Amino acid sequence: MKTARGAMRGLTAMLLAAGAALAVTPAASAHDAIGSINNCNGRCGYGGVTNNHTRVYACDTKSDGYGFRTSYTLRNGASGYVDDANGSDSGCSAVVPGTASNPVTYFLVTWKRTGDWVSAGWFPA
């Protein structure tokens, strides 16, 4: 009887460990993630992650003389950013830093107001 209980405890411990490992490893999914800043009498800009967590974009939507940036972190810890290169003119800017095995895991949208950048906090990708 003790042997069966010991084996069951061992199996339970292995299953819990496997479940914990799966819970900590973020899996890439097909949904898109978006974040925006709305502190400038309207929408200042927005950014996010698309294409299975591989593409990061930034869109400046307010003609206010300030820029808009989306920063990102990859699963391996590398990071970077993309600024909307044409300001509030039509069109956004994007980079593709992620891969299927090293996707974007978090992103931060920032309105680059002079002397006081405004961010909405880090979002999961």
N, C-alpha and C. Protein backbone atom coordinates (compact mmCIF):
# COMPACT_ATOMS: atom_id res chain seq x y z
N MET A 1 0.81 -1.18 0.00
CA MET A 1 0.00 0.00 0.00
C MET A 1 0.87 1.26 0.00
N LYS A 2 1.95 1.26 0.82
CA LYS A 2 2.84 2.42 0.85
C LYS A 2 3.50 2.65 -0.50
N THR A 3 3.83 1.59 -1.20
CA THR A 3 4.48 1.72 -2.50
C THR A 3 3.55 2.37 -3.52
N ALA A 4 2.28 2.01 -3.53
CA ALA A 4 1.31 2.60 -4.45
C ALA A 4 1.13 4.08 -4.16
N ARG A 5 1.04 4.43 -2.85
CA ARG A 5 0.90 5.85 -2.48
C ARG A 5 2.14 6.64 -2.89
N GLY A 6 3.30 6.06 -2.68
CA GLY A 6 4.55 6.73 -3.06
C GLY A 6 4.62 6.96 -4.56
N ALA A 7 4.22 5.96 -5.34
CA ALA A 7 4.21 6.10 -6.80
C ALA A 7 3.22 7.16 -7.23
N MET A 8 2.05 7.20 -6.57
CA MET A 8 1.03 8.20 -6.91
C MET A 8 1.53 9.61 -6.58
N ARG A 9 2.20 9.76 -5.44
CA ARG A 9 2.76 11.07 -5.08
C ARG A 9 3.81 11.51 -6.11
N GLY A 10 4.65 10.56 -6.53
CA GLY A 10 5.66 10.87 -7.53
C GLY A 10 5.04 11.30 -8.85
N LEU A 11 3.99 10.59 -9.28
CA LEU A 11 3.29 10.93 -10.51
C LEU A 11 2.63 12.30 -10.39
N THR A 12 2.00 12.57 -9.25
CA THR A 12 1.36 13.86 -9.02
C THR A 12 2.39 14.98 -9.07
N ALA A 13 3.53 14.78 -8.44
CA ALA A 13 4.59 15.80 -8.44
C ALA A 13 5.09 16.06 -9.86
N MET A 14 5.25 14.98 -10.65
CA MET A 14 5.70 15.15 -12.04
C MET A 14 4.67 15.93 -12.85
N LEU A 15 3.39 15.64 -12.70
CA LEU A 15 2.34 16.33 -13.44
C LEU A 15 2.26 17.80 -13.04
N LEU A 16 2.39 18.08 -11.74
CA LEU A 16 2.39 19.47 -11.29
C LEU A 16 3.59 20.23 -11.84
N ALA A 17 4.75 19.60 -11.86
CA ALA A 17 5.96 20.25 -12.40
C ALA A 17 5.79 20.52 -13.88
N ALA A 18 5.23 19.56 -14.61
CA ALA A 18 5.01 19.75 -16.05
C ALA A 18 4.02 20.87 -16.29
N GLY A 19 2.96 20.93 -15.50
CA GLY A 19 1.97 22.00 -15.63
C GLY A 19 2.57 23.36 -15.33
N ALA A 20 3.43 23.44 -14.32
CA ALA A 20 4.08 24.70 -13.97
C ALA A 20 5.00 25.15 -15.10
N ALA A 21 5.71 24.22 -15.71
CA ALA A 21 6.59 24.58 -16.82
C ALA A 21 5.79 25.12 -17.98
N LEU A 22 4.64 24.55 -18.26
CA LEU A 22 3.80 25.05 -19.35
C LEU A 22 3.22 26.41 -19.02
N ALA A 23 2.90 26.66 -17.76
CA ALA A 23 2.29 27.92 -17.38
C ALA A 23 3.27 29.08 -17.50
N VAL A 24 4.55 28.85 -17.31
CA VAL A 24 5.53 29.94 -17.36
C VAL A 24 6.02 30.23 -18.76
N THR A 25 5.91 29.32 -19.65
CA THR A 25 6.39 29.51 -21.01
C THR A 25 5.26 30.07 -21.87
N PRO A 26 5.33 31.37 -22.26
CA PRO A 26 4.25 31.92 -23.06
C PRO A 26 4.26 31.32 -24.46
N ALA A 27 3.11 30.90 -24.91
CA ALA A 27 3.00 30.32 -26.24
C ALA A 27 2.55 31.38 -27.22
N ALA A 28 3.07 31.35 -28.42
CA ALA A 28 2.66 32.29 -29.45
C ALA A 28 1.25 31.93 -29.89
N SER A 29 0.43 32.95 -30.08
CA SER A 29 -0.92 32.71 -30.57
C SER A 29 -1.21 33.65 -31.72
N ALA A 30 -2.33 33.44 -32.36
CA ALA A 30 -2.63 34.18 -33.58
C ALA A 30 -3.31 35.52 -33.32
N HIS A 31 -3.66 35.86 -32.08
CA HIS A 31 -4.37 37.11 -31.85
C HIS A 31 -3.44 38.32 -31.95
N ASP A 32 -4.02 39.47 -32.28
CA ASP A 32 -3.27 40.71 -32.33
C ASP A 32 -3.47 41.45 -31.00
N ALA A 33 -2.45 42.17 -30.57
CA ALA A 33 -2.54 42.94 -29.33
C ALA A 33 -2.32 44.41 -29.67
N ILE A 34 -3.07 45.30 -29.02
CA ILE A 34 -2.99 46.74 -29.31
C ILE A 34 -3.06 47.53 -28.01
N GLY A 35 -2.36 48.66 -27.99
CA GLY A 35 -2.41 49.58 -26.87
C GLY A 35 -2.45 51.00 -27.41
N SER A 36 -3.07 51.93 -26.69
CA SER A 36 -3.14 53.30 -27.18
C SER A 36 -2.98 54.29 -26.04
N ILE A 37 -2.67 55.54 -26.41
CA ILE A 37 -2.57 56.66 -25.47
C ILE A 37 -3.65 57.66 -25.88
N ASN A 38 -4.44 58.09 -24.91
CA ASN A 38 -5.55 59.01 -25.20
C ASN A 38 -5.50 60.24 -24.31
N ASN A 39 -4.30 60.73 -23.99
CA ASN A 39 -4.14 61.85 -23.05
C ASN A 39 -3.99 63.22 -23.72
N CYS A 40 -4.32 63.36 -24.98
CA CYS A 40 -4.04 64.61 -25.68
C CYS A 40 -5.30 65.16 -26.35
N ASN A 41 -6.39 65.23 -25.60
CA ASN A 41 -7.68 65.66 -26.15
C ASN A 41 -8.07 64.80 -27.35
N GLY A 42 -7.91 63.53 -27.21
CA GLY A 42 -8.20 62.57 -28.27
C GLY A 42 -7.18 61.46 -28.22
N ARG A 43 -7.12 60.72 -29.28
CA ARG A 43 -6.16 59.61 -29.37
C ARG A 43 -4.83 60.12 -29.88
N CYS A 44 -3.78 60.01 -29.08
CA CYS A 44 -2.43 60.47 -29.46
C CYS A 44 -1.80 59.51 -30.45
N GLY A 45 -2.04 58.23 -30.24
CA GLY A 45 -1.46 57.20 -31.10
C GLY A 45 -1.72 55.82 -30.53
N TYR A 46 -1.30 54.83 -31.28
CA TYR A 46 -1.48 53.45 -30.85
C TYR A 46 -0.39 52.59 -31.46
N GLY A 47 -0.23 51.43 -30.90
CA GLY A 47 0.76 50.48 -31.41
C GLY A 47 0.42 49.11 -30.92
N GLY A 48 1.16 48.13 -31.41
CA GLY A 48 0.88 46.78 -30.98
C GLY A 48 1.71 45.74 -31.69
N VAL A 49 1.20 44.51 -31.61
CA VAL A 49 1.90 43.35 -32.13
C VAL A 49 0.94 42.56 -33.00
N THR A 50 1.39 42.13 -34.18
CA THR A 50 0.58 41.33 -35.10
C THR A 50 1.41 40.19 -35.67
N ASN A 51 0.84 39.48 -36.63
CA ASN A 51 1.52 38.40 -37.36
C ASN A 51 2.12 37.34 -36.44
N ASN A 52 1.28 36.77 -35.59
CA ASN A 52 1.75 35.72 -34.67
C ASN A 52 2.88 36.18 -33.76
N HIS A 53 2.78 37.40 -33.27
CA HIS A 53 3.74 37.95 -32.31
C HIS A 53 5.13 38.19 -32.91
N THR A 54 5.17 38.49 -34.21
CA THR A 54 6.46 38.73 -34.84
C THR A 54 6.63 40.18 -35.32
N ARG A 55 5.54 40.90 -35.56
CA ARG A 55 5.58 42.27 -36.12
C ARG A 55 5.13 43.26 -35.05
N VAL A 56 5.88 44.38 -34.93
CA VAL A 56 5.56 45.45 -33.97
C VAL A 56 5.35 46.73 -34.78
N TYR A 57 4.30 47.50 -34.45
CA TYR A 57 4.02 48.72 -35.20
C TYR A 57 3.71 49.89 -34.27
N ALA A 58 3.89 51.12 -34.80
CA ALA A 58 3.58 52.35 -34.08
C ALA A 58 2.84 53.29 -35.02
N CYS A 59 1.77 53.92 -34.54
CA CYS A 59 0.95 54.83 -35.35
C CYS A 59 0.69 56.12 -34.57
N ASP A 60 1.20 57.23 -35.07
CA ASP A 60 0.95 58.55 -34.50
C ASP A 60 -0.34 59.06 -35.13
N THR A 61 -1.34 59.41 -34.32
CA THR A 61 -2.63 59.82 -34.87
C THR A 61 -2.98 61.27 -34.60
N LYS A 62 -2.12 61.99 -33.90
CA LYS A 62 -2.43 63.37 -33.53
C LYS A 62 -1.37 64.31 -34.09
N SER A 63 -1.81 65.33 -34.81
CA SER A 63 -0.89 66.33 -35.36
C SER A 63 -0.57 67.33 -34.26
N ASP A 64 0.35 66.95 -33.37
CA ASP A 64 0.67 67.79 -32.21
C ASP A 64 2.16 68.08 -32.09
N GLY A 65 2.95 67.62 -33.05
CA GLY A 65 4.38 67.85 -33.01
C GLY A 65 5.15 66.84 -32.17
N TYR A 66 4.45 65.90 -31.55
CA TYR A 66 5.11 64.88 -30.74
C TYR A 66 5.05 63.54 -31.46
N GLY A 67 6.00 62.70 -31.20
CA GLY A 67 6.07 61.40 -31.86
C GLY A 67 5.38 60.30 -31.08
N PHE A 68 5.40 59.11 -31.66
CA PHE A 68 4.81 57.94 -31.02
C PHE A 68 5.73 56.74 -31.23
N ARG A 69 5.91 55.95 -30.18
CA ARG A 69 6.84 54.82 -30.20
C ARG A 69 6.19 53.57 -29.60
N THR A 70 6.54 52.42 -30.16
CA THR A 70 6.20 51.14 -29.54
C THR A 70 7.49 50.40 -29.25
N SER A 71 7.74 50.11 -27.99
CA SER A 71 8.91 49.33 -27.57
C SER A 71 8.47 47.88 -27.38
N TYR A 72 9.41 46.97 -27.48
CA TYR A 72 9.05 45.55 -27.37
C TYR A 72 10.16 44.76 -26.69
N THR A 73 9.78 43.59 -26.18
CA THR A 73 10.71 42.63 -25.62
C THR A 73 10.41 41.27 -26.25
N LEU A 74 11.47 40.58 -26.66
CA LEU A 74 11.32 39.24 -27.23
C LEU A 74 11.46 38.20 -26.13
N ARG A 75 11.04 36.99 -26.42
CA ARG A 75 11.12 35.90 -25.44
C ARG A 75 12.53 35.72 -24.90
N ASN A 76 13.56 35.90 -25.76
CA ASN A 76 14.95 35.70 -25.31
C ASN A 76 15.51 36.89 -24.52
N GLY A 77 14.68 37.93 -24.31
CA GLY A 77 15.11 39.08 -23.52
C GLY A 77 15.61 40.25 -24.35
N ALA A 78 15.85 40.05 -25.64
CA ALA A 78 16.27 41.16 -26.51
C ALA A 78 15.12 42.17 -26.59
N SER A 79 15.46 43.43 -26.83
CA SER A 79 14.43 44.46 -26.90
C SER A 79 14.77 45.49 -27.97
N GLY A 80 13.80 46.31 -28.29
CA GLY A 80 13.98 47.36 -29.28
C GLY A 80 12.73 48.21 -29.35
N TYR A 81 12.63 49.02 -30.41
CA TYR A 81 11.45 49.88 -30.57
C TYR A 81 11.29 50.28 -32.02
N VAL A 82 10.11 50.80 -32.32
CA VAL A 82 9.83 51.39 -33.63
C VAL A 82 9.09 52.70 -33.39
N ASP A 83 9.54 53.77 -34.07
CA ASP A 83 8.87 55.07 -34.03
C ASP A 83 8.07 55.23 -35.32
N ASP A 84 6.92 55.89 -35.24
CA ASP A 84 6.18 56.19 -36.46
C ASP A 84 6.99 57.25 -37.22
N ALA A 85 7.55 56.85 -38.34
CA ALA A 85 8.51 57.68 -39.06
C ALA A 85 7.91 58.91 -39.73
N ASN A 86 6.61 58.90 -40.05
CA ASN A 86 6.04 60.03 -40.77
C ASN A 86 5.12 60.88 -39.91
N GLY A 87 5.26 60.80 -38.60
CA GLY A 87 4.41 61.60 -37.71
C GLY A 87 2.96 61.20 -37.86
N SER A 88 2.08 62.19 -37.83
CA SER A 88 0.65 61.88 -37.88
C SER A 88 0.12 61.72 -39.30
N ASP A 89 0.99 61.80 -40.31
CA ASP A 89 0.54 61.56 -41.69
C ASP A 89 0.05 60.12 -41.80
N SER A 90 -0.74 59.87 -42.82
CA SER A 90 -1.30 58.54 -43.04
C SER A 90 -0.20 57.48 -43.13
N GLY A 91 -0.46 56.34 -42.55
CA GLY A 91 0.51 55.24 -42.55
C GLY A 91 1.23 55.13 -41.23
N CYS A 92 1.57 53.91 -40.87
CA CYS A 92 2.28 53.62 -39.62
C CYS A 92 3.65 53.05 -39.97
N SER A 93 4.48 52.86 -38.97
CA SER A 93 5.79 52.23 -39.17
C SER A 93 5.81 50.90 -38.43
N ALA A 94 6.58 49.95 -38.96
CA ALA A 94 6.62 48.62 -38.35
C ALA A 94 7.99 47.99 -38.52
N VAL A 95 8.30 47.05 -37.64
CA VAL A 95 9.48 46.20 -37.72
C VAL A 95 9.03 44.77 -37.47
N VAL A 96 9.83 43.82 -37.90
CA VAL A 96 9.53 42.40 -37.68
C VAL A 96 10.71 41.76 -36.96
N PRO A 97 10.80 41.98 -35.63
CA PRO A 97 11.93 41.44 -34.87
C PRO A 97 11.71 40.02 -34.37
N GLY A 98 10.47 39.57 -34.32
CA GLY A 98 10.17 38.27 -33.75
C GLY A 98 10.20 37.15 -34.77
N THR A 99 10.25 35.93 -34.26
CA THR A 99 10.17 34.72 -35.08
C THR A 99 9.22 33.75 -34.36
N ALA A 100 8.91 32.66 -35.02
CA ALA A 100 8.03 31.66 -34.39
C ALA A 100 8.65 31.13 -33.10
N SER A 101 9.96 30.95 -33.07
CA SER A 101 10.60 30.41 -31.87
C SER A 101 11.04 31.50 -30.88
N ASN A 102 11.04 32.76 -31.30
CA ASN A 102 11.43 33.87 -30.43
C ASN A 102 10.46 35.04 -30.66
N PRO A 103 9.21 34.87 -30.21
CA PRO A 103 8.21 35.90 -30.48
C PRO A 103 8.32 37.10 -29.54
N VAL A 104 7.61 38.16 -29.90
CA VAL A 104 7.47 39.32 -29.03
C VAL A 104 6.59 38.88 -27.86
N THR A 105 7.01 39.17 -26.64
CA THR A 105 6.23 38.76 -25.46
C THR A 105 5.55 39.94 -24.78
N TYR A 106 6.16 41.14 -24.83
CA TYR A 106 5.58 42.33 -24.22
C TYR A 106 5.84 43.54 -25.10
N PHE A 107 4.94 44.55 -25.01
CA PHE A 107 5.16 45.80 -25.74
C PHE A 107 4.66 46.98 -24.90
N LEU A 108 5.20 48.16 -25.20
CA LEU A 108 4.91 49.39 -24.49
C LEU A 108 4.66 50.48 -25.51
N VAL A 109 3.52 51.17 -25.43
CA VAL A 109 3.26 52.29 -26.33
C VAL A 109 3.55 53.59 -25.60
N THR A 110 4.20 54.55 -26.31
CA THR A 110 4.64 55.79 -25.68
C THR A 110 4.38 56.99 -26.58
N TRP A 111 3.74 58.00 -26.02
CA TRP A 111 3.56 59.30 -26.68
C TRP A 111 4.75 60.13 -26.27
N LYS A 112 5.56 60.55 -27.25
CA LYS A 112 6.85 61.19 -26.96
C LYS A 112 6.68 62.70 -26.77
N ARG A 113 5.90 63.09 -25.77
CA ARG A 113 5.68 64.49 -25.46
C ARG A 113 6.98 65.08 -24.91
N THR A 114 7.39 66.23 -25.38
CA THR A 114 8.65 66.85 -24.98
C THR A 114 8.76 66.98 -23.47
N GLY A 115 9.85 66.43 -22.92
CA GLY A 115 10.14 66.54 -21.51
C GLY A 115 9.31 65.64 -20.61
N ASP A 116 8.32 64.95 -21.16
CA ASP A 116 7.45 64.14 -20.30
C ASP A 116 6.78 63.05 -21.15
N TRP A 117 7.53 62.03 -21.50
CA TRP A 117 6.96 60.94 -22.30
C TRP A 117 5.86 60.25 -21.50
N VAL A 118 4.78 59.90 -22.17
CA VAL A 118 3.64 59.27 -21.52
C VAL A 118 3.48 57.86 -22.06
N SER A 119 3.49 56.87 -21.16
CA SER A 119 3.35 55.48 -21.54
C SER A 119 2.10 54.88 -20.90
N ALA A 120 1.59 53.83 -21.52
CA ALA A 120 0.38 53.18 -21.00
C ALA A 120 0.71 51.91 -20.21
N GLY A 121 1.97 51.64 -19.96
CA GLY A 121 2.36 50.42 -19.27
C GLY A 121 2.62 49.30 -20.25
N TRP A 122 3.29 48.28 -19.78
CA TRP A 122 3.63 47.12 -20.63
C TRP A 122 2.42 46.23 -20.81
N PHE A 123 2.21 45.81 -22.04
CA PHE A 123 1.11 44.90 -22.38
C PHE A 123 1.68 43.55 -22.77
N PRO A 124 1.00 42.46 -22.43
CA PRO A 124 1.42 41.16 -22.96
C PRO A 124 1.07 41.09 -24.44
N ALA A 125 1.95 40.51 -25.22
CA ALA A 125 1.72 40.43 -26.67
C ALA A 125 0.83 39.26 -27.01
